[in-house]
Amino acid sequence: MVCAAWYFPRLWLLPSLSHAHSPAEMFGTINWDDLKGARIHTSGTPAYGRAKLMFLMFTYELQRRLRLLGAPVEAFAVHPGVVASRLMDKVNFRYPFAILTYVLSKIAGQTPSLGAQSTIYAATNPKLTGHGGQYIGPNYQLNFFNCYPRKPYNLRAYHVDARQRLWDETVMILEETTGRQVPNLPSVGTRV
């Protein structure tokens, strides 16, 4: 989504339940031989963790490339916290953590309105101007107070070379899938 917020346009990407309340991102790995997920035979926690890790890496790489380009656009990853929504009705109970997440959402889940606070904050708060590339969401102790800068648990999210590779291979997949050239942002320059 794009929002003109104060001085800089902003992109915010919502990786969903990916960090503090889920080990999915923490244990997410990337199978470079199967980025499309064609050989993944589950839609459960392993696939979820992989997708959320890649989403976060992609957001960080997007911000890095925007800075290299000198673009007045900022990217933020946003986490809503555990939200008591109908999404939890689709949990696959074959995974023990899924059961824990389901119960947690029923006991301590926020309303959808509260879960939206982190997205609204990332899109509109003037204090974030000039600070793109942050991950915004609830603090790690509580599921509320959604407007905190967060750090990924998974150290893979910090690997600049892996983020660049993910970006480049994603562009190749998009071009292969659509049959069209995808506009690309430069990747060379100072690492940010």
N, C-alpha and C. Protein backbone atom coordinates (compact mmCIF):
# COMPACT_ATOMS: atom_id res chain seq x y z
N MET A 1 0.84 -1.17 0.00
CA MET A 1 0.00 0.00 0.00
C MET A 1 0.89 1.23 0.00
N VAL A 2 0.42 2.30 -0.58
CA VAL A 2 1.19 3.54 -0.64
C VAL A 2 0.39 4.65 0.02
N CYS A 3 1.09 5.47 0.76
CA CYS A 3 0.43 6.58 1.44
C CYS A 3 1.34 7.79 1.40
N ALA A 4 0.82 8.94 1.03
CA ALA A 4 1.59 10.17 1.13
C ALA A 4 1.53 10.62 2.57
N ALA A 5 2.64 10.50 3.27
CA ALA A 5 2.65 10.81 4.69
C ALA A 5 3.66 11.91 4.96
N TRP A 6 3.18 13.05 5.32
CA TRP A 6 3.98 14.21 5.66
C TRP A 6 4.93 14.57 4.53
N TYR A 7 6.21 14.31 4.66
CA TYR A 7 7.17 14.75 3.65
C TYR A 7 7.52 13.66 2.64
N PHE A 8 7.45 12.42 3.03
CA PHE A 8 7.86 11.31 2.18
C PHE A 8 6.67 10.41 1.90
N PRO A 9 6.55 9.96 0.66
CA PRO A 9 5.58 8.88 0.42
C PRO A 9 6.09 7.63 1.14
N ARG A 10 5.18 6.78 1.58
CA ARG A 10 5.58 5.60 2.33
C ARG A 10 4.92 4.35 1.77
N LEU A 11 5.69 3.30 1.80
CA LEU A 11 5.17 1.96 1.53
C LEU A 11 5.19 1.22 2.84
N TRP A 12 4.13 0.53 3.15
CA TRP A 12 4.18 -0.31 4.33
C TRP A 12 3.75 -1.69 3.93
N LEU A 13 4.51 -2.65 4.41
CA LEU A 13 4.29 -4.04 4.06
C LEU A 13 3.93 -4.78 5.33
N LEU A 14 2.89 -5.55 5.28
CA LEU A 14 2.34 -6.18 6.47
C LEU A 14 2.65 -7.67 6.47
N PRO A 15 3.75 -8.08 7.11
CA PRO A 15 4.06 -9.49 7.12
C PRO A 15 3.19 -10.31 8.05
N SER A 16 2.26 -9.71 8.75
CA SER A 16 1.32 -10.45 9.57
C SER A 16 1.99 -10.96 10.83
N LEU A 17 1.55 -12.10 11.29
CA LEU A 17 1.99 -12.66 12.57
C LEU A 17 3.35 -13.31 12.38
N SER A 18 4.40 -12.51 12.37
CA SER A 18 5.66 -13.11 11.95
C SER A 18 6.76 -13.11 12.98
N HIS A 19 6.63 -12.41 14.06
CA HIS A 19 7.78 -12.36 14.95
C HIS A 19 7.45 -12.74 16.38
N ALA A 20 7.26 -11.79 17.25
CA ALA A 20 7.27 -12.05 18.67
C ALA A 20 6.35 -13.16 19.10
N HIS A 21 5.23 -13.31 18.47
CA HIS A 21 4.26 -14.30 18.91
C HIS A 21 4.34 -15.57 18.08
N SER A 22 5.34 -15.68 17.22
CA SER A 22 5.42 -16.84 16.36
C SER A 22 6.87 -17.21 16.10
N PRO A 23 7.23 -18.47 16.34
CA PRO A 23 8.59 -18.87 16.01
C PRO A 23 8.74 -19.09 14.51
N ALA A 24 7.67 -18.90 13.76
CA ALA A 24 7.71 -19.17 12.32
C ALA A 24 8.83 -18.39 11.65
N GLU A 25 8.87 -17.08 11.83
CA GLU A 25 9.94 -16.28 11.21
C GLU A 25 11.28 -16.66 11.80
N MET A 26 11.30 -16.91 13.10
CA MET A 26 12.55 -17.19 13.78
C MET A 26 13.26 -18.40 13.15
N PHE A 27 12.49 -19.39 12.76
CA PHE A 27 13.07 -20.61 12.21
C PHE A 27 12.91 -20.69 10.69
N GLY A 28 12.44 -19.60 10.08
CA GLY A 28 12.27 -19.59 8.63
C GLY A 28 13.60 -19.72 7.92
N THR A 29 13.60 -20.48 6.85
CA THR A 29 14.79 -20.63 6.02
C THR A 29 14.38 -20.40 4.57
N ILE A 30 15.36 -20.19 3.73
CA ILE A 30 15.07 -20.00 2.32
C ILE A 30 15.67 -21.15 1.54
N ASN A 31 14.85 -21.80 0.76
CA ASN A 31 15.32 -22.84 -0.14
C ASN A 31 15.53 -22.16 -1.49
N TRP A 32 16.78 -21.84 -1.81
CA TRP A 32 17.08 -21.09 -3.02
C TRP A 32 16.73 -21.88 -4.28
N ASP A 33 16.62 -23.19 -4.15
CA ASP A 33 16.28 -24.02 -5.32
C ASP A 33 14.77 -24.10 -5.54
N ASP A 34 13.99 -23.52 -4.63
CA ASP A 34 12.53 -23.61 -4.74
C ASP A 34 11.87 -22.34 -4.20
N LEU A 35 12.26 -21.18 -4.72
CA LEU A 35 11.68 -19.93 -4.23
C LEU A 35 10.19 -19.82 -4.49
N LYS A 36 9.71 -20.47 -5.54
CA LYS A 36 8.27 -20.43 -5.83
C LYS A 36 7.47 -21.31 -4.89
N GLY A 37 8.13 -22.18 -4.16
CA GLY A 37 7.43 -23.06 -3.24
C GLY A 37 6.75 -24.23 -3.90
N ALA A 38 7.16 -24.58 -5.10
CA ALA A 38 6.52 -25.67 -5.84
C ALA A 38 6.69 -27.02 -5.14
N ARG A 39 7.77 -27.17 -4.38
CA ARG A 39 8.03 -28.45 -3.72
C ARG A 39 7.64 -28.44 -2.24
N ILE A 40 6.99 -27.38 -1.80
CA ILE A 40 6.51 -27.35 -0.42
C ILE A 40 5.17 -28.08 -0.39
N HIS A 41 5.07 -29.06 0.45
CA HIS A 41 3.86 -29.88 0.49
C HIS A 41 3.02 -29.59 1.73
N THR A 42 3.13 -28.38 2.23
CA THR A 42 2.34 -27.99 3.38
C THR A 42 2.03 -26.51 3.29
N SER A 43 0.98 -26.10 3.88
CA SER A 43 0.69 -24.67 4.00
C SER A 43 0.81 -24.27 5.46
N GLY A 44 1.46 -25.11 6.24
CA GLY A 44 1.57 -24.88 7.67
C GLY A 44 2.73 -24.00 8.07
N THR A 45 3.17 -24.16 9.31
CA THR A 45 4.18 -23.31 9.91
C THR A 45 5.47 -23.22 9.13
N PRO A 46 6.04 -24.32 8.58
CA PRO A 46 7.29 -24.16 7.83
C PRO A 46 7.16 -23.22 6.63
N ALA A 47 6.10 -23.37 5.87
CA ALA A 47 5.89 -22.50 4.71
C ALA A 47 5.61 -21.07 5.17
N TYR A 48 4.86 -20.94 6.24
CA TYR A 48 4.52 -19.63 6.77
C TYR A 48 5.78 -18.89 7.23
N GLY A 49 6.63 -19.58 7.98
CA GLY A 49 7.86 -18.98 8.46
C GLY A 49 8.77 -18.54 7.33
N ARG A 50 8.85 -19.36 6.32
CA ARG A 50 9.67 -19.04 5.15
C ARG A 50 9.13 -17.78 4.46
N ALA A 51 7.82 -17.73 4.26
CA ALA A 51 7.21 -16.58 3.59
C ALA A 51 7.41 -15.30 4.40
N LYS A 52 7.26 -15.38 5.70
CA LYS A 52 7.39 -14.18 6.53
C LYS A 52 8.83 -13.70 6.59
N LEU A 53 9.79 -14.61 6.65
CA LEU A 53 11.19 -14.21 6.62
C LEU A 53 11.51 -13.53 5.28
N MET A 54 11.08 -14.12 4.18
CA MET A 54 11.35 -13.53 2.87
C MET A 54 10.67 -12.18 2.73
N PHE A 55 9.49 -12.03 3.26
CA PHE A 55 8.78 -10.76 3.20
C PHE A 55 9.56 -9.66 3.92
N LEU A 56 10.06 -9.99 5.09
CA LEU A 56 10.83 -9.02 5.86
C LEU A 56 12.13 -8.68 5.14
N MET A 57 12.82 -9.68 4.62
CA MET A 57 14.05 -9.45 3.87
C MET A 57 13.79 -8.57 2.65
N PHE A 58 12.69 -8.83 1.97
CA PHE A 58 12.34 -8.06 0.78
C PHE A 58 12.08 -6.59 1.14
N THR A 59 11.42 -6.36 2.26
CA THR A 59 11.16 -4.99 2.71
C THR A 59 12.46 -4.26 3.00
N TYR A 60 13.37 -4.91 3.72
CA TYR A 60 14.66 -4.28 4.02
C TYR A 60 15.44 -3.97 2.74
N GLU A 61 15.40 -4.89 1.80
CA GLU A 61 16.12 -4.68 0.53
C GLU A 61 15.47 -3.57 -0.27
N LEU A 62 14.14 -3.50 -0.25
CA LEU A 62 13.45 -2.41 -0.94
C LEU A 62 13.89 -1.07 -0.38
N GLN A 63 13.95 -0.94 0.92
CA GLN A 63 14.38 0.33 1.53
C GLN A 63 15.82 0.65 1.15
N ARG A 64 16.68 -0.34 1.17
CA ARG A 64 18.08 -0.12 0.80
C ARG A 64 18.19 0.41 -0.63
N ARG A 65 17.45 -0.19 -1.54
CA ARG A 65 17.50 0.22 -2.94
C ARG A 65 16.87 1.61 -3.14
N LEU A 66 15.82 1.89 -2.42
CA LEU A 66 15.21 3.23 -2.51
C LEU A 66 16.21 4.30 -2.07
N ARG A 67 16.96 4.01 -1.01
CA ARG A 67 17.98 4.97 -0.54
C ARG A 67 19.07 5.15 -1.58
N LEU A 68 19.53 4.05 -2.16
CA LEU A 68 20.58 4.14 -3.19
C LEU A 68 20.12 4.98 -4.37
N LEU A 69 18.86 4.86 -4.70
CA LEU A 69 18.29 5.60 -5.82
C LEU A 69 18.08 7.08 -5.47
N GLY A 70 18.05 7.38 -4.18
CA GLY A 70 17.75 8.73 -3.74
C GLY A 70 16.27 9.05 -3.81
N ALA A 71 15.45 8.01 -3.85
CA ALA A 71 14.00 8.19 -3.97
C ALA A 71 13.42 8.70 -2.65
N PRO A 72 12.49 9.62 -2.71
CA PRO A 72 11.86 10.14 -1.49
C PRO A 72 10.70 9.24 -1.05
N VAL A 73 10.97 7.95 -1.02
CA VAL A 73 9.95 6.97 -0.62
C VAL A 73 10.58 6.11 0.47
N GLU A 74 9.79 5.75 1.45
CA GLU A 74 10.28 4.92 2.54
C GLU A 74 9.43 3.67 2.67
N ALA A 75 10.09 2.57 3.04
CA ALA A 75 9.39 1.30 3.21
C ALA A 75 9.47 0.87 4.67
N PHE A 76 8.36 0.38 5.18
CA PHE A 76 8.29 -0.10 6.56
C PHE A 76 7.64 -1.49 6.56
N ALA A 77 8.18 -2.38 7.37
CA ALA A 77 7.50 -3.65 7.64
C ALA A 77 6.64 -3.42 8.88
N VAL A 78 5.44 -3.96 8.87
CA VAL A 78 4.49 -3.70 9.95
C VAL A 78 3.92 -5.03 10.46
N HIS A 79 3.86 -5.15 11.77
CA HIS A 79 3.31 -6.34 12.41
C HIS A 79 2.11 -5.93 13.26
N PRO A 80 0.93 -6.51 13.04
CA PRO A 80 -0.25 -6.08 13.78
C PRO A 80 -0.36 -6.64 15.19
N GLY A 81 0.45 -7.64 15.53
CA GLY A 81 0.27 -8.35 16.79
C GLY A 81 -0.74 -9.47 16.60
N VAL A 82 -1.08 -10.13 17.67
CA VAL A 82 -2.08 -11.19 17.60
C VAL A 82 -3.45 -10.54 17.57
N VAL A 83 -4.19 -10.80 16.53
CA VAL A 83 -5.50 -10.18 16.35
C VAL A 83 -6.57 -11.27 16.38
N ALA A 84 -7.59 -11.05 17.16
CA ALA A 84 -8.70 -11.99 17.25
C ALA A 84 -9.62 -11.77 16.05
N SER A 85 -9.24 -12.37 14.94
CA SER A 85 -10.03 -12.22 13.73
C SER A 85 -10.44 -13.60 13.23
N ARG A 86 -11.22 -13.64 12.19
CA ARG A 86 -11.66 -14.91 11.62
C ARG A 86 -10.51 -15.67 10.96
N LEU A 87 -9.38 -15.01 10.73
CA LEU A 87 -8.22 -15.68 10.16
C LEU A 87 -7.81 -16.88 11.02
N MET A 88 -7.92 -16.73 12.32
CA MET A 88 -7.52 -17.81 13.22
C MET A 88 -8.43 -19.03 13.10
N ASP A 89 -9.60 -18.87 12.52
CA ASP A 89 -10.49 -20.01 12.30
C ASP A 89 -9.94 -20.96 11.23
N LYS A 90 -8.92 -20.52 10.50
CA LYS A 90 -8.35 -21.33 9.43
C LYS A 90 -7.03 -21.99 9.83
N VAL A 91 -6.70 -21.94 11.12
CA VAL A 91 -5.44 -22.51 11.60
C VAL A 91 -5.43 -24.03 11.39
N ASN A 92 -4.28 -24.53 10.97
CA ASN A 92 -4.09 -25.97 10.79
C ASN A 92 -3.61 -26.55 12.12
N PHE A 93 -4.44 -27.30 12.79
CA PHE A 93 -4.14 -27.80 14.13
C PHE A 93 -3.17 -28.98 14.14
N ARG A 94 -2.64 -29.35 12.99
CA ARG A 94 -1.61 -30.40 12.96
C ARG A 94 -0.31 -29.90 13.57
N TYR A 95 -0.12 -28.59 13.62
CA TYR A 95 1.10 -28.01 14.15
C TYR A 95 0.86 -27.53 15.57
N PRO A 96 1.67 -28.02 16.53
CA PRO A 96 1.46 -27.61 17.93
C PRO A 96 1.48 -26.10 18.12
N PHE A 97 2.36 -25.41 17.39
CA PHE A 97 2.39 -23.97 17.57
C PHE A 97 1.12 -23.31 17.07
N ALA A 98 0.50 -23.90 16.07
CA ALA A 98 -0.75 -23.35 15.56
C ALA A 98 -1.83 -23.38 16.64
N ILE A 99 -1.84 -24.44 17.41
CA ILE A 99 -2.80 -24.55 18.51
C ILE A 99 -2.54 -23.45 19.53
N LEU A 100 -1.26 -23.26 19.87
CA LEU A 100 -0.89 -22.22 20.83
C LEU A 100 -1.31 -20.84 20.31
N THR A 101 -1.05 -20.57 19.05
CA THR A 101 -1.41 -19.29 18.46
C THR A 101 -2.92 -19.08 18.47
N TYR A 102 -3.66 -20.13 18.15
CA TYR A 102 -5.12 -20.05 18.16
C TYR A 102 -5.63 -19.71 19.56
N VAL A 103 -5.14 -20.42 20.56
CA VAL A 103 -5.57 -20.18 21.94
C VAL A 103 -5.18 -18.77 22.37
N LEU A 104 -3.93 -18.37 22.03
CA LEU A 104 -3.48 -17.03 22.39
C LEU A 104 -4.38 -15.96 21.76
N SER A 105 -4.78 -16.18 20.51
CA SER A 105 -5.64 -15.18 19.86
C SER A 105 -7.00 -15.09 20.53
N LYS A 106 -7.49 -16.21 21.04
CA LYS A 106 -8.80 -16.19 21.71
C LYS A 106 -8.71 -15.56 23.10
N ILE A 107 -7.57 -15.76 23.77
CA ILE A 107 -7.41 -15.23 25.13
C ILE A 107 -6.94 -13.78 25.13
N ALA A 108 -5.92 -13.48 24.33
CA ALA A 108 -5.29 -12.16 24.40
C ALA A 108 -5.29 -11.42 23.06
N GLY A 109 -6.04 -11.90 22.10
CA GLY A 109 -6.04 -11.25 20.79
C GLY A 109 -6.68 -9.86 20.84
N GLN A 110 -6.11 -8.98 20.09
CA GLN A 110 -6.63 -7.62 19.99
C GLN A 110 -7.80 -7.59 19.02
N THR A 111 -8.56 -6.53 19.10
CA THR A 111 -9.59 -6.31 18.09
C THR A 111 -8.89 -5.94 16.78
N PRO A 112 -9.54 -6.13 15.65
CA PRO A 112 -8.94 -5.69 14.38
C PRO A 112 -8.58 -4.20 14.39
N SER A 113 -9.37 -3.38 15.05
CA SER A 113 -9.07 -1.94 15.12
C SER A 113 -7.75 -1.68 15.83
N LEU A 114 -7.50 -2.38 16.93
CA LEU A 114 -6.23 -2.22 17.64
C LEU A 114 -5.08 -2.78 16.81
N GLY A 115 -5.31 -3.89 16.13
CA GLY A 115 -4.28 -4.47 15.28
C GLY A 115 -3.88 -3.55 14.14
N ALA A 116 -4.77 -2.68 13.72
CA ALA A 116 -4.48 -1.75 12.62
C ALA A 116 -3.61 -0.58 13.06
N GLN A 117 -3.42 -0.39 14.35
CA GLN A 117 -2.67 0.78 14.84
C GLN A 117 -1.26 0.85 14.28
N SER A 118 -0.57 -0.28 14.21
CA SER A 118 0.81 -0.24 13.73
C SER A 118 0.87 0.18 12.27
N THR A 119 -0.09 -0.25 11.46
CA THR A 119 -0.11 0.15 10.06
C THR A 119 -0.40 1.64 9.93
N ILE A 120 -1.35 2.13 10.69
CA ILE A 120 -1.68 3.56 10.66
C ILE A 120 -0.49 4.39 11.12
N TYR A 121 0.17 3.93 12.17
CA TYR A 121 1.35 4.62 12.69
C TYR A 121 2.45 4.69 11.62
N ALA A 122 2.76 3.55 10.99
CA ALA A 122 3.81 3.53 9.97
C ALA A 122 3.45 4.40 8.78
N ALA A 123 2.18 4.50 8.48
CA ALA A 123 1.75 5.27 7.31
C ALA A 123 1.69 6.77 7.56
N THR A 124 1.47 7.18 8.80
CA THR A 124 1.17 8.60 9.02
C THR A 124 2.03 9.33 10.04
N ASN A 125 2.77 8.65 10.89
CA ASN A 125 3.47 9.35 11.96
C ASN A 125 4.65 10.15 11.41
N PRO A 126 4.66 11.46 11.63
CA PRO A 126 5.75 12.28 11.09
C PRO A 126 7.11 11.97 11.72
N LYS A 127 7.13 11.39 12.92
CA LYS A 127 8.41 11.04 13.56
C LYS A 127 9.18 9.99 12.77
N LEU A 128 8.50 9.25 11.91
CA LEU A 128 9.17 8.21 11.13
C LEU A 128 9.77 8.73 9.83
N THR A 129 9.48 9.98 9.49
CA THR A 129 10.02 10.56 8.26
C THR A 129 11.54 10.52 8.30
N GLY A 130 12.13 9.96 7.26
CA GLY A 130 13.57 9.83 7.18
C GLY A 130 14.11 8.58 7.86
N HIS A 131 13.22 7.73 8.38
CA HIS A 131 13.64 6.54 9.11
C HIS A 131 13.06 5.27 8.51
N GLY A 132 12.96 5.22 7.19
CA GLY A 132 12.45 4.03 6.53
C GLY A 132 13.31 2.81 6.82
N GLY A 133 12.76 1.66 6.55
CA GLY A 133 13.48 0.42 6.80
C GLY A 133 13.26 -0.12 8.21
N GLN A 134 12.36 0.48 8.95
CA GLN A 134 12.07 -0.02 10.30
C GLN A 134 10.99 -1.07 10.24
N TYR A 135 10.95 -1.86 11.30
CA TYR A 135 9.92 -2.87 11.49
C TYR A 135 9.10 -2.41 12.69
N ILE A 136 7.82 -2.16 12.48
CA ILE A 136 6.95 -1.56 13.49
C ILE A 136 5.92 -2.57 13.94
N GLY A 137 5.68 -2.65 15.25
CA GLY A 137 4.65 -3.55 15.76
C GLY A 137 4.61 -3.50 17.27
N PRO A 138 3.90 -4.46 17.88
CA PRO A 138 3.80 -4.48 19.34
C PRO A 138 5.14 -4.80 19.98
N ASN A 139 5.27 -4.37 21.24
CA ASN A 139 6.51 -4.71 21.94
C ASN A 139 6.54 -6.22 22.20
N TYR A 140 7.65 -6.71 22.65
CA TYR A 140 7.81 -8.16 22.80
C TYR A 140 7.18 -8.71 24.07
N GLN A 141 6.90 -7.89 25.04
CA GLN A 141 6.33 -8.38 26.28
C GLN A 141 4.81 -8.49 26.22
N LEU A 142 4.20 -7.57 25.53
CA LEU A 142 2.75 -7.52 25.48
C LEU A 142 2.30 -7.52 24.03
N ASN A 143 1.06 -7.86 23.82
CA ASN A 143 0.51 -7.88 22.47
C ASN A 143 -0.12 -6.54 22.12
N PHE A 144 -0.02 -5.57 23.00
CA PHE A 144 -0.64 -4.28 22.77
C PHE A 144 0.43 -3.22 22.60
N PHE A 145 0.07 -1.97 22.57
CA PHE A 145 1.02 -0.88 22.37
C PHE A 145 1.80 -1.15 21.08
N ASN A 146 1.12 -1.09 19.96
CA ASN A 146 1.62 -1.59 18.69
C ASN A 146 2.63 -0.73 17.96
N CYS A 147 3.05 0.35 18.49
CA CYS A 147 3.85 1.29 17.71
C CYS A 147 5.31 1.34 18.18
N TYR A 148 5.94 0.19 18.23
CA TYR A 148 7.33 0.09 18.65
C TYR A 148 8.20 -0.35 17.48
N PRO A 149 9.45 0.15 17.44
CA PRO A 149 10.39 -0.44 16.49
C PRO A 149 10.75 -1.84 16.99
N ARG A 150 10.82 -2.78 16.06
CA ARG A 150 11.10 -4.17 16.41
C ARG A 150 12.37 -4.63 15.71
N LYS A 151 12.96 -5.69 16.21
CA LYS A 151 14.12 -6.32 15.58
C LYS A 151 13.76 -7.77 15.28
N PRO A 152 14.13 -8.25 14.11
CA PRO A 152 13.85 -9.66 13.80
C PRO A 152 14.65 -10.59 14.71
N TYR A 153 14.04 -11.69 15.08
CA TYR A 153 14.75 -12.73 15.82
C TYR A 153 15.69 -13.49 14.89
N ASN A 154 15.28 -13.68 13.67
CA ASN A 154 16.03 -14.51 12.72
C ASN A 154 17.17 -13.70 12.13
N LEU A 155 18.40 -14.11 12.39
CA LEU A 155 19.56 -13.38 11.91
C LEU A 155 19.66 -13.36 10.39
N ARG A 156 18.97 -14.29 9.71
CA ARG A 156 18.98 -14.30 8.25
C ARG A 156 18.40 -13.01 7.67
N ALA A 157 17.53 -12.36 8.41
CA ALA A 157 16.92 -11.12 7.93
C ALA A 157 17.95 -10.01 7.77
N TYR A 158 19.12 -10.15 8.42
CA TYR A 158 20.15 -9.12 8.36
C TYR A 158 21.18 -9.35 7.26
N HIS A 159 21.14 -10.47 6.58
CA HIS A 159 22.14 -10.80 5.56
C HIS A 159 21.89 -10.01 4.28
N VAL A 160 22.68 -8.99 4.07
CA VAL A 160 22.49 -8.11 2.91
C VAL A 160 22.63 -8.89 1.61
N ASP A 161 23.63 -9.75 1.51
CA ASP A 161 23.82 -10.51 0.27
C ASP A 161 22.61 -11.40 -0.03
N ALA A 162 22.06 -12.02 1.01
CA ALA A 162 20.87 -12.88 0.81
C ALA A 162 19.67 -12.03 0.42
N ARG A 163 19.53 -10.85 1.00
CA ARG A 163 18.42 -9.96 0.63
C ARG A 163 18.54 -9.53 -0.83
N GLN A 164 19.75 -9.20 -1.26
CA GLN A 164 19.96 -8.81 -2.65
C GLN A 164 19.63 -9.98 -3.58
N ARG A 165 20.07 -11.16 -3.21
CA ARG A 165 19.79 -12.34 -4.04
C ARG A 165 18.29 -12.60 -4.11
N LEU A 166 17.60 -12.50 -2.97
CA LEU A 166 16.15 -12.70 -2.96
C LEU A 166 15.47 -11.71 -3.89
N TRP A 167 15.87 -10.46 -3.83
CA TRP A 167 15.29 -9.43 -4.71
C TRP A 167 15.50 -9.80 -6.17
N ASP A 168 16.75 -10.07 -6.51
CA ASP A 168 17.09 -10.35 -7.91
C ASP A 168 16.37 -11.59 -8.44
N GLU A 169 16.30 -12.63 -7.63
CA GLU A 169 15.62 -13.84 -8.07
C GLU A 169 14.11 -13.64 -8.14
N THR A 170 13.57 -12.79 -7.27
CA THR A 170 12.15 -12.46 -7.34
C THR A 170 11.83 -11.73 -8.64
N VAL A 171 12.68 -10.80 -9.03
CA VAL A 171 12.50 -10.08 -10.30
C VAL A 171 12.52 -11.08 -11.45
N MET A 172 13.46 -12.04 -11.43
CA MET A 172 13.53 -13.03 -12.50
C MET A 172 12.26 -13.89 -12.54
N ILE A 173 11.74 -14.27 -11.38
CA ILE A 173 10.51 -15.07 -11.33
C ILE A 173 9.33 -14.27 -11.88
N LEU A 174 9.25 -13.00 -11.52
CA LEU A 174 8.16 -12.15 -12.02
C LEU A 174 8.24 -12.01 -13.54
N GLU A 175 9.43 -11.81 -14.05
CA GLU A 175 9.59 -11.67 -15.50
C GLU A 175 9.25 -12.97 -16.22
N GLU A 176 9.67 -14.08 -15.64
CA GLU A 176 9.35 -15.40 -16.22
C GLU A 176 7.84 -15.65 -16.20
N THR A 177 7.20 -15.28 -15.11
CA THR A 177 5.77 -15.53 -14.94
C THR A 177 4.91 -14.62 -15.81
N THR A 178 5.28 -13.34 -15.89
CA THR A 178 4.46 -12.38 -16.62
C THR A 178 4.86 -12.25 -18.09
N GLY A 179 6.08 -12.65 -18.41
CA GLY A 179 6.57 -12.48 -19.78
C GLY A 179 6.93 -11.03 -20.09
N ARG A 180 7.03 -10.22 -19.06
CA ARG A 180 7.35 -8.80 -19.23
C ARG A 180 8.56 -8.44 -18.38
N GLN A 181 9.28 -7.42 -18.83
CA GLN A 181 10.40 -6.93 -18.04
C GLN A 181 9.85 -6.15 -16.85
N VAL A 182 10.41 -6.42 -15.69
CA VAL A 182 9.99 -5.75 -14.47
C VAL A 182 10.95 -4.60 -14.19
N PRO A 183 10.43 -3.40 -13.98
CA PRO A 183 11.34 -2.30 -13.62
C PRO A 183 12.09 -2.66 -12.35
N ASN A 184 13.37 -2.41 -12.36
CA ASN A 184 14.19 -2.81 -11.23
C ASN A 184 14.90 -1.60 -10.65
N LEU A 185 15.15 -1.64 -9.37
CA LEU A 185 15.90 -0.60 -8.70
C LEU A 185 17.36 -1.02 -8.65
N PRO A 186 18.30 -0.08 -8.67
CA PRO A 186 19.70 -0.45 -8.65
C PRO A 186 20.08 -1.19 -7.37
N SER A 187 21.04 -2.09 -7.50
CA SER A 187 21.46 -2.85 -6.32
C SER A 187 22.86 -2.49 -5.87
N VAL A 188 23.61 -1.77 -6.68
CA VAL A 188 24.99 -1.47 -6.33
C VAL A 188 25.06 -0.16 -5.57
N GLY A 189 26.08 -0.05 -4.77
CA GLY A 189 26.27 1.17 -3.98
C GLY A 189 26.56 0.81 -2.55
N THR A 190 26.52 1.80 -1.71
CA THR A 190 26.81 1.61 -0.30
C THR A 190 25.74 0.76 0.35
N ARG A 191 26.17 -0.18 1.16
CA ARG A 191 25.19 -0.98 1.89
C ARG A 191 24.62 -0.14 3.01
N VAL A 192 23.29 -0.16 3.09
CA VAL A 192 22.60 0.66 4.08
C VAL A 192 22.00 -0.24 5.12
